[in-house]
PDB file of N, CA and C in Angstrom:
ATOM      1  N   MET A   1    -220.486  26.760  79.665  1.00  0.00           N
ATOM      2  CA  MET A   1    -222.453  26.819  79.706  1.00  0.00           C
ATOM      3  C   MET A   1    -221.541  25.007  79.959  1.00  0.00           C
ATOM      4  N   LYS A   2    -223.109  24.216  80.620  1.00  0.00           N
ATOM      5  CA  LYS A   2    -223.138  23.331  80.564  1.00  0.00           C
ATOM      6  C   LYS A   2    -223.744  22.697  80.020  1.00  0.00           C
ATOM      7  N   THR A   3    -223.974  21.583  79.982  1.00  0.00           N
ATOM      8  CA  THR A   3    -224.739  21.122  79.220  1.00  0.00           C
ATOM      9  C   THR A   3    -225.653  19.829  80.190  1.00  0.00           C
ATOM     10  N   ILE A   4    -227.528  19.610  79.730  1.00  0.00           N
ATOM     11  CA  ILE A   4    -227.625  18.984  80.688  1.00  0.00           C
ATOM     12  C   ILE A   4    -229.262  18.213  79.783  1.00  0.00           C
ATOM     13  N   THR A   5    -229.801  17.050  80.228  1.00  0.00           N
ATOM     14  CA  THR A   5    -231.407  17.242  79.080  1.00  0.00           C
ATOM     15  C   THR A   5    -232.056  17.785  79.758  1.00  0.00           C
ATOM     16  N   ALA A   6    -233.005  18.005  78.633  1.00  0.00           N
ATOM     17  CA  ALA A   6    -234.753  18.890  79.134  1.00  0.00           C
ATOM     18  C   ALA A   6    -235.625  18.844  80.523  1.00  0.00           C
ATOM     19  N   LYS A   7    -235.175  17.429  80.578  1.00  0.00           N
ATOM     20  CA  LYS A   7    -236.047  17.023  82.034  1.00  0.00           C
ATOM     21  C   LYS A   7    -235.379  17.812  83.037  1.00  0.00           C
ATOM     22  N   GLU A   8    -233.787  17.123  82.846  1.00  0.00           N
ATOM     23  CA  GLU A   8    -233.218  18.019  83.997  1.00  0.00           C
ATOM     24  C   GLU A   8    -232.823  19.261  84.112  1.00  0.00           C
ATOM     25  N   PHE A   9    -232.996  20.006  83.337  1.00  0.00           N
ATOM     26  CA  PHE A   9    -233.241  21.581  83.322  1.00  0.00           C
ATOM     27  C   PHE A   9    -234.998  21.765  83.602  1.00  0.00           C
ATOM     28  N   ASP A  10    -236.007  21.514  83.208  1.00  0.00           N
ATOM     29  CA  ASP A  10    -237.183  21.536  83.356  1.00  0.00           C
ATOM     30  C   ASP A  10    -237.797  21.540  84.665  1.00  0.00           C
ATOM     31  N   GLU A  11    -236.776  20.310  85.521  1.00  0.00           N
ATOM     32  CA  GLU A  11    -236.549  19.688  86.746  1.00  0.00           C
ATOM     33  C   GLU A  11    -235.925  20.987  88.168  1.00  0.00           C
ATOM     34  N   LYS A  12    -234.904  21.451  87.577  1.00  0.00           N
ATOM     35  CA  LYS A  12    -234.443  22.121  88.121  1.00  0.00           C
ATOM     36  C   LYS A  12    -235.380  23.613  88.350  1.00  0.00           C
ATOM     37  N   PHE A  13    -235.770  24.208  86.829  1.00  0.00           N
ATOM     38  CA  PHE A  13    -236.403  24.773  87.195  1.00  0.00           C
ATOM     39  C   PHE A  13    -237.774  25.323  87.886  1.00  0.00           C
ATOM     40  N   ASP A  14    -238.437  23.731  87.432  1.00  0.00           N
ATOM     41  CA  ASP A  14    -239.619  23.721  88.062  1.00  0.00           C
ATOM     42  C   ASP A  14    -239.477  23.782  89.946  1.00  0.00           C
ATOM     43  N   ASN A  15    -238.132  23.841  90.379  1.00  0.00           N
ATOM     44  CA  ASN A  15    -237.552  23.317  91.716  1.00  0.00           C
ATOM     45  C   ASN A  15    -236.627  24.903  92.482  1.00  0.00           C
ATOM     46  N   GLY A  16    -236.643  25.501  91.406  1.00  0.00           N
ATOM     47  CA  GLY A  16    -236.497  27.379  91.890  1.00  0.00           C
ATOM     48  C   GLY A  16    -235.198  27.115  91.739  1.00  0.00           C
ATOM     49  N   GLU A  17    -234.550  26.554  91.368  1.00  0.00           N
ATOM     50  CA  GLU A  17    -232.967  26.548  91.184  1.00  0.00           C
ATOM     51  C   GLU A  17    -232.619  27.078  90.275  1.00  0.00           C
ATOM     52  N   ASP A  18    -231.049  27.344  90.145  1.00  0.00           N
ATOM     53  CA  ASP A  18    -230.341  28.204  89.164  1.00  0.00           C
ATOM     54  C   ASP A  18    -229.921  27.903  88.181  1.00  0.00           C
ATOM     55  N   ILE A  19    -230.765  28.224  86.757  1.00  0.00           N
ATOM     56  CA  ILE A  19    -230.355  27.534  85.954  1.00  0.00           C
ATOM     57  C   ILE A  19    -229.797  28.141  84.578  1.00  0.00           C
ATOM     58  N   SER A  20    -229.033  29.388  85.661  1.00  0.00           N
ATOM     59  CA  SER A  20    -228.068  30.174  84.462  1.00  0.00           C
ATOM     60  C   SER A  20    -227.007  29.938  83.636  1.00  0.00           C
ATOM     61  N   GLU A  21    -226.032  28.900  84.537  1.00  0.00           N
ATOM     62  CA  GLU A  21    -224.813  28.532  84.381  1.00  0.00           C
ATOM     63  C   GLU A  21    -225.496  27.264  82.914  1.00  0.00           C
ATOM     64  N   TYR A  22    -226.756  26.715  82.799  1.00  0.00           N
ATOM     65  CA  TYR A  22    -226.846  25.974  81.821  1.00  0.00           C
ATOM     66  C   TYR A  22    -227.582  26.984  80.432  1.00  0.00           C
ATOM     67  N   LEU A  23    -227.456  28.259  80.152  1.00  0.00           N
ATOM     68  CA  LEU A  23    -228.108  29.390  79.048  1.00  0.00           C
ATOM     69  C   LEU A  23    -226.883  30.165  79.033  1.00  0.00           C
ATOM     70  N   ASP A  24    -226.820  29.765  77.342  1.00  0.00           N
ATOM     71  CA  ASP A  24    -226.015  30.513  76.713  1.00  0.00           C
ATOM     72  C   ASP A  24    -226.527  31.991  76.970  1.00  0.00           C
ATOM     73  N   PHE A  25    -226.108  33.572  77.367  1.00  0.00           N
ATOM     74  CA  PHE A  25    -226.443  34.374  77.407  1.00  0.00           C
ATOM     75  C   PHE A  25    -225.822  35.627  75.689  1.00  0.00           C
ATOM     76  N   SER A  26    -224.824  34.709  75.939  1.00  0.00           N
ATOM     77  CA  SER A  26    -223.922  35.682  74.352  1.00  0.00           C
ATOM     78  C   SER A  26    -224.729  36.622  73.212  1.00  0.00           C
ATOM     79  N   LYS A  27    -225.605  35.812  72.950  1.00  0.00           N
ATOM     80  CA  LYS A  27    -226.768  36.499  71.866  1.00  0.00           C
ATOM     81  C   LYS A  27    -228.011  36.707  72.646  1.00  0.00           C
ATOM     82  N   ALA A  28    -228.020  36.891  73.945  1.00  0.00           N
ATOM     83  CA  ALA A  28    -229.133  37.480  73.917  1.00  0.00           C
ATOM     84  C   ALA A  28    -229.718  38.778  74.031  1.00  0.00           C
ATOM     85  N   THR A  29    -230.811  38.795  73.643  1.00  0.00           N
ATOM     86  CA  THR A  29    -231.274  40.044  73.355  1.00  0.00           C
ATOM     87  C   THR A  29    -232.454  40.195  73.709  1.00  0.00           C
ATOM     88  N   ARG A  30    -233.382  41.291  73.936  1.00  0.00           N
ATOM     89  CA  ARG A  30    -234.798  42.024  75.045  1.00  0.00           C
ATOM     90  C   ARG A  30    -235.429  42.486  73.722  1.00  0.00           C
ATOM     91  N   ALA A  31    -236.556  41.716  73.220  1.00  0.00           N
ATOM     92  CA  ALA A  31    -237.365  42.772  72.188  1.00  0.00           C
ATOM     93  C   ALA A  31    -237.940  43.818  72.620  1.00  0.00           C
ATOM     94  N   ASN A  32    -237.609  44.834  73.622  1.00  0.00           N
ATOM     95  CA  ASN A  32    -237.749  46.136  74.111  1.00  0.00           C
ATOM     96  C   ASN A  32    -235.927  46.496  74.235  1.00  0.00           C
ATOM     97  N   ALA A  33    -234.801  45.672  73.931  1.00  0.00           N
ATOM     98  CA  ALA A  33    -234.221  46.641  74.894  1.00  0.00           C
ATOM     99  C   ALA A  33    -233.431  47.650  74.101  1.00  0.00           C
ATOM    100  N   LEU A  34    -233.806  47.960  72.188  1.00  0.00           N
ATOM    101  CA  LEU A  34    -233.978  48.933  72.199  1.00  0.00           C
ATOM    102  C   LEU A  34    -234.576  50.722  72.183  1.00  0.00           C
ATOM    103  N   LYS A  35    -235.745  49.802  73.361  1.00  0.00           N
ATOM    104  CA  LYS A  35    -237.178  50.778  73.094  1.00  0.00           C
ATOM    105  C   LYS A  35    -236.905  51.954  73.742  1.00  0.00           C
ATOM    106  N   THR A  36    -236.761  53.249  72.846  1.00  0.00           N
ATOM    107  CA  THR A  36    -236.834  54.563  73.899  1.00  0.00           C
ATOM    108  C   THR A  36    -238.080  54.812  74.009  1.00  0.00           C
ATOM    109  N   ASP A  37    -239.084  54.675  72.968  1.00  0.00           N
ATOM    110  CA  ASP A  37    -240.594  55.135  72.834  1.00  0.00           C
ATOM    111  C   ASP A  37    -241.728  53.651  72.664  1.00  0.00           C
ATOM    112  N   THR A  38    -243.109  53.632  72.940  1.00  0.00           N
ATOM    113  CA  THR A  38    -243.861  53.061  73.190  1.00  0.00           C
ATOM    114  C   THR A  38    -244.960  53.251  72.601  1.00  0.00           C
ATOM    115  N   LYS A  39    -245.545  52.931  72.103  1.00  0.00           N
ATOM    116  CA  LYS A  39    -247.087  53.366  71.207  1.00  0.00           C
ATOM    117  C   LYS A  39    -247.962  52.302  70.966  1.00  0.00           C
ATOM    118  N   LYS A  40    -248.632  52.303  71.231  1.00  0.00           N
ATOM    119  CA  LYS A  40    -250.070  51.260  71.973  1.00  0.00           C
ATOM    120  C   LYS A  40    -250.922  51.162  70.086  1.00  0.00           C
ATOM    121  N   VAL A  41    -250.794  50.518  69.763  1.00  0.00           N
ATOM    122  CA  VAL A  41    -251.382  49.781  68.362  1.00  0.00           C
ATOM    123  C   VAL A  41    -252.621  48.943  68.875  1.00  0.00           C
ATOM    124  N   ASN A  42    -253.956  48.546  68.126  1.00  0.00           N
ATOM    125  CA  ASN A  42    -254.548  47.822  68.045  1.00  0.00           C
ATOM    126  C   ASN A  42    -254.455  47.176  66.672  1.00  0.00           C
ATOM    127  N   VAL A  43    -254.936  45.913  67.084  1.00  0.00           N
ATOM    128  CA  VAL A  43    -255.106  45.334  65.527  1.00  0.00           C
ATOM    129  C   VAL A  43    -255.765  43.869  66.016  1.00  0.00           C
ATOM    130  N   ASP A  44    -256.320  43.819  64.651  1.00  0.00           N
ATOM    131  CA  ASP A  44    -258.285  42.848  64.844  1.00  0.00           C
ATOM    132  C   ASP A  44    -257.006  41.409  64.194  1.00  0.00           C
ATOM    133  N   PHE A  45    -257.017  40.403  65.362  1.00  0.00           N
ATOM    134  CA  PHE A  45    -256.608  38.879  64.343  1.00  0.00           C
ATOM    135  C   PHE A  45    -258.449  37.940  64.609  1.00  0.00           C
ATOM    136  N   PRO A  46    -258.277  37.055  63.440  1.00  0.00           N
ATOM    137  CA  PRO A  46    -259.346  36.201  64.078  1.00  0.00           C
ATOM    138  C   PRO A  46    -259.112  35.337  65.214  1.00  0.00           C
ATOM    139  N   GLN A  47    -260.535  34.661  65.120  1.00  0.00           N
ATOM    140  CA  GLN A  47    -260.539  33.813  66.174  1.00  0.00           C
ATOM    141  C   GLN A  47    -259.651  32.905  66.421  1.00  0.00           C
ATOM    142  N   TRP A  48    -258.979  32.374  65.800  1.00  0.00           N
ATOM    143  CA  TRP A  48    -258.177  30.525  65.741  1.00  0.00           C
ATOM    144  C   TRP A  48    -256.809  31.283  65.626  1.00  0.00           C
ATOM    145  N   ILE A  49    -255.902  32.673  65.373  1.00  0.00           N
ATOM    146  CA  ILE A  49    -254.993  33.195  65.368  1.00  0.00           C
ATOM    147  C   ILE A  49    -254.925  33.844  67.172  1.00  0.00           C
ATOM    148  N   ILE A  50    -255.805  34.432  67.721  1.00  0.00           N
ATOM    149  CA  ILE A  50    -256.197  34.449  68.965  1.00  0.00           C
ATOM    150  C   ILE A  50    -255.909  33.078  69.675  1.00  0.00           C
ATOM    151  N   GLU A  51    -256.706  32.187  69.903  1.00  0.00           N
ATOM    152  CA  GLU A  51    -256.642  30.989  70.436  1.00  0.00           C
ATOM    153  C   GLU A  51    -255.317  30.407  70.676  1.00  0.00           C
ATOM    154  N   SER A  52    -254.346  30.456  68.939  1.00  0.00           N
ATOM    155  CA  SER A  52    -253.296  29.742  68.895  1.00  0.00           C
ATOM    156  C   SER A  52    -252.201  30.225  69.537  1.00  0.00           C
ATOM    157  N   LEU A  53    -252.299  32.442  69.581  1.00  0.00           N
ATOM    158  CA  LEU A  53    -251.677  32.658  70.411  1.00  0.00           C
ATOM    159  C   LEU A  53    -251.477  32.043  72.086  1.00  0.00           C
ATOM    160  N   ASP A  54    -252.993  32.353  72.481  1.00  0.00           N
ATOM    161  CA  ASP A  54    -253.025  32.219  73.997  1.00  0.00           C
ATOM    162  C   ASP A  54    -252.355  30.475  74.388  1.00  0.00           C
ATOM    163  N   LYS A  55    -252.871  29.794  73.300  1.00  0.00           N
ATOM    164  CA  LYS A  55    -251.457  28.417  73.807  1.00  0.00           C
ATOM    165  C   LYS A  55    -250.432  28.288  73.148  1.00  0.00           C
ATOM    166  N   GLU A  56    -249.643  29.157  72.671  1.00  0.00           N
ATOM    167  CA  GLU A  56    -248.637  29.141  72.810  1.00  0.00           C
ATOM    168  C   GLU A  56    -248.092  29.853  73.975  1.00  0.00           C
ATOM    169  N   ALA A  57    -248.327  30.917  74.187  1.00  0.00           N
ATOM    170  CA  ALA A  57    -247.827  31.512  74.984  1.00  0.00           C
ATOM    171  C   ALA A  57    -247.848  31.542  76.737  1.00  0.00           C
ATOM    172  N   LYS A  58    -249.227  29.729  76.798  1.00  0.00           N
ATOM    173  CA  LYS A  58    -249.416  29.415  77.791  1.00  0.00           C
ATOM    174  C   LYS A  58    -248.295  28.198  78.424  1.00  0.00           C
ATOM    175  N   LYS A  59    -247.755  27.694  76.746  1.00  0.00           N
ATOM    176  CA  LYS A  59    -246.738  26.800  76.811  1.00  0.00           C
ATOM    177  C   LYS A  59    -245.500  27.063  77.615  1.00  0.00           C
ATOM    178  N   ILE A  60    -245.242  28.611  77.262  1.00  0.00           N
ATOM    179  CA  ILE A  60    -243.907  28.963  77.348  1.00  0.00           C
ATOM    180  C   ILE A  60    -244.035  30.044  78.669  1.00  0.00           C
ATOM    181  N   GLY A  61    -245.672  30.192  78.999  1.00  0.00           N
ATOM    182  CA  GLY A  61    -245.387  30.969  80.340  1.00  0.00           C
ATOM    183  C   GLY A  61    -245.091  32.224  80.374  1.00  0.00           C
ATOM    184  N   VAL A  62    -245.730  32.693  79.301  1.00  0.00           N
ATOM    185  CA  VAL A  62    -246.213  34.664  78.860  1.00  0.00           C
ATOM    186  C   VAL A  62    -246.869  34.801  78.343  1.00  0.00           C
ATOM    187  N   THR A  63    -247.117  35.911  78.377  1.00  0.00           N
ATOM    188  CA  THR A  63    -248.749  36.760  78.328  1.00  0.00           C
ATOM    189  C   THR A  63    -248.855  37.128  76.903  1.00  0.00           C
ATOM    190  N   ARG A  64    -249.992  36.548  76.102  1.00  0.00           N
ATOM    191  CA  ARG A  64    -250.457  36.759  74.692  1.00  0.00           C
ATOM    192  C   ARG A  64    -249.066  38.134  73.947  1.00  0.00           C
ATOM    193  N   GLN A  65    -249.696  39.519  75.282  1.00  0.00           N
ATOM    194  CA  GLN A  65    -249.044  41.095  74.387  1.00  0.00           C
ATOM    195  C   GLN A  65    -247.595  40.310  73.687  1.00  0.00           C
ATOM    196  N   SER A  66    -246.286  39.819  75.304  1.00  0.00           N
ATOM    197  CA  SER A  66    -245.091  39.408  74.996  1.00  0.00           C
ATOM    198  C   SER A  66    -244.898  38.575  74.369  1.00  0.00           C
ATOM    199  N   ILE A  67    -245.603  37.271  73.785  1.00  0.00           N
ATOM    200  CA  ILE A  67    -245.268  36.430  73.056  1.00  0.00           C
ATOM    201  C   ILE A  67    -245.878  37.179  71.079  1.00  0.00           C
ATOM    202  N   ILE A  68    -246.890  38.548  70.961  1.00  0.00           N
ATOM    203  CA  ILE A  68    -247.037  38.944  70.035  1.00  0.00           C
ATOM    204  C   ILE A  68    -245.898  40.067  69.808  1.00  0.00           C
ATOM    205  N   LYS A  69    -245.756  41.040  70.571  1.00  0.00           N
ATOM    206  CA  LYS A  69    -244.285  41.982  70.812  1.00  0.00           C
ATOM    207  C   LYS A  69    -242.438  41.003  70.260  1.00  0.00           C
ATOM    208  N   VAL A  70    -242.295  39.415  71.139  1.00  0.00           N
ATOM    209  CA  VAL A  70    -241.268  38.874  70.540  1.00  0.00           C
ATOM    210  C   VAL A  70    -241.557  38.058  68.867  1.00  0.00           C
ATOM    211  N   TRP A  71    -242.404  37.920  68.931  1.00  0.00           N
ATOM    212  CA  TRP A  71    -242.716  37.510  67.749  1.00  0.00           C
ATOM    213  C   TRP A  71    -242.168  38.397  66.831  1.00  0.00           C
ATOM    214  N   ILE A  72    -243.207  39.066  66.808  1.00  0.00           N
ATOM    215  CA  ILE A  72    -242.637  40.575  65.836  1.00  0.00           C
ATOM    216  C   ILE A  72    -241.045  41.438  65.724  1.00  0.00           C
ATOM    217  N   ALA A  73    -240.638  40.898  66.924  1.00  0.00           N
ATOM    218  CA  ALA A  73    -239.231  41.663  66.832  1.00  0.00           C
ATOM    219  C   ALA A  73    -238.588  40.832  66.424  1.00  0.00           C
ATOM    220  N   GLU A  74    -238.253  39.474  66.589  1.00  0.00           N
ATOM    221  CA  GLU A  74    -237.534  38.173  65.801  1.00  0.00           C
ATOM    222  C   GLU A  74    -237.638  38.700  64.478  1.00  0.00           C
ATOM    223  N   ARG A  75    -239.258  38.558  63.746  1.00  0.00           N
ATOM    224  CA  ARG A  75    -239.618  38.727  62.489  1.00  0.00           C
ATOM    225  C   ARG A  75    -238.860  39.769  61.775  1.00  0.00           C
ATOM    226  N   LEU A  76    -238.566  40.827  62.436  1.00  0.00           N
ATOM    227  CA  LEU A  76    -238.157  42.147  61.916  1.00  0.00           C
ATOM    228  C   LEU A  76    -236.448  41.616  62.299  1.00  0.00           C
ATOM    229  N   LYS A  77    -235.983  41.465  63.307  1.00  0.00           N
ATOM    230  CA  LYS A  77    -234.515  41.296  63.108  1.00  0.00           C
ATOM    231  C   LYS A  77    -233.690  40.121  61.812  1.00  0.00           C
ATOM    232  N   GLU A  78    -235.393  39.115  61.766  1.00  0.00           N
ATOM    233  CA  GLU A  78    -234.721  38.011  60.565  1.00  0.00           C
ATOM    234  C   GLU A  78    -234.873  38.724  59.032  1.00  0.00           C
ATOM    235  N   GLU A  79    -235.706  39.675  58.971  1.00  0.00           N
ATOM    236  CA  GLU A  79    -236.054  40.220  57.711  1.00  0.00           C
ATOM    237  C   GLU A  79    -235.256  41.659  57.756  1.00  0.00           C
ATOM    238  N   THR A  80    -234.903  42.303  58.427  1.00  0.00           N
ATOM    239  CA  THR A  80    -233.818  43.720  58.076  1.00  0.00           C
ATOM    240  C   THR A  80    -232.541  43.080  58.841  1.00  0.00           C
ATOM    241  N   GLY A  81    -231.654  42.186  59.618  1.00  0.00           N
ATOM    242  CA  GLY A  81    -230.793  41.674  59.572  1.00  0.00           C
ATOM    243  C   GLY A  81    -230.565  42.399  60.987  1.00  0.00           C
ATOM    244  N   HIS A  82    -231.290  43.257  61.887  1.00  0.00           N
ATOM    245  CA  HIS A  82    -230.892  43.834  63.262  1.00  0.00           C
ATOM    246  C   HIS A  82    -231.990  44.365  63.704  1.00  0.00           C
ATOM    247  N   LEU A  83    -232.175  44.436  65.645  1.00  0.00           N
ATOM    248  CA  LEU A  83    -233.391  45.971  65.004  1.00  0.00           C
ATOM    249  C   LEU A  83    -233.002  46.845  65.578  1.00  0.00           C
ATOM    250  N   GLN A  84    -233.971  47.184  65.486  1.00  0.00           N
ATOM    251  CA  GLN A  84    -233.777  48.920  65.171  1.00  0.00           C
ATOM    252  C   GLN A  84    -234.870  50.111  66.263  1.00  0.00           C
ATOM    253  N   ALA A  85    -235.088  50.801  66.817  1.00  0.00           N
ATOM    254  CA  ALA A  85    -235.312  51.521  67.589  1.00  0.00           C
ATOM    255  C   ALA A  85    -234.947  53.121  66.876  1.00  0.00           C
ATOM    256  N   SER A  86    -236.161  53.272  66.737  1.00  0.00           N
ATOM    257  CA  SER A  86    -236.557  54.748  65.906  1.00  0.00           C
ATOM    258  C   SER A  86    -237.487  55.767  66.171  1.00  0.00           C
TER     259      SER A  86
END
């Protein structure tokens, strides 16, 4: 894996260049990689949490739902030591 500065990385990404040589995929996982079934749930959040989620999601270019799913999956992995499909 090659290394470059964050600014160089951003410029390459913004220009539509292939940035895969600068990424380490050896431990990459997808939040839904083990998904066999999905179930819709409704969760009520205070307005400040929604605003914070939207701000973070916009910053990294994903939807609110995506960031919630990734963060929950990361926390579950941290707490249990692995992602588990059941």
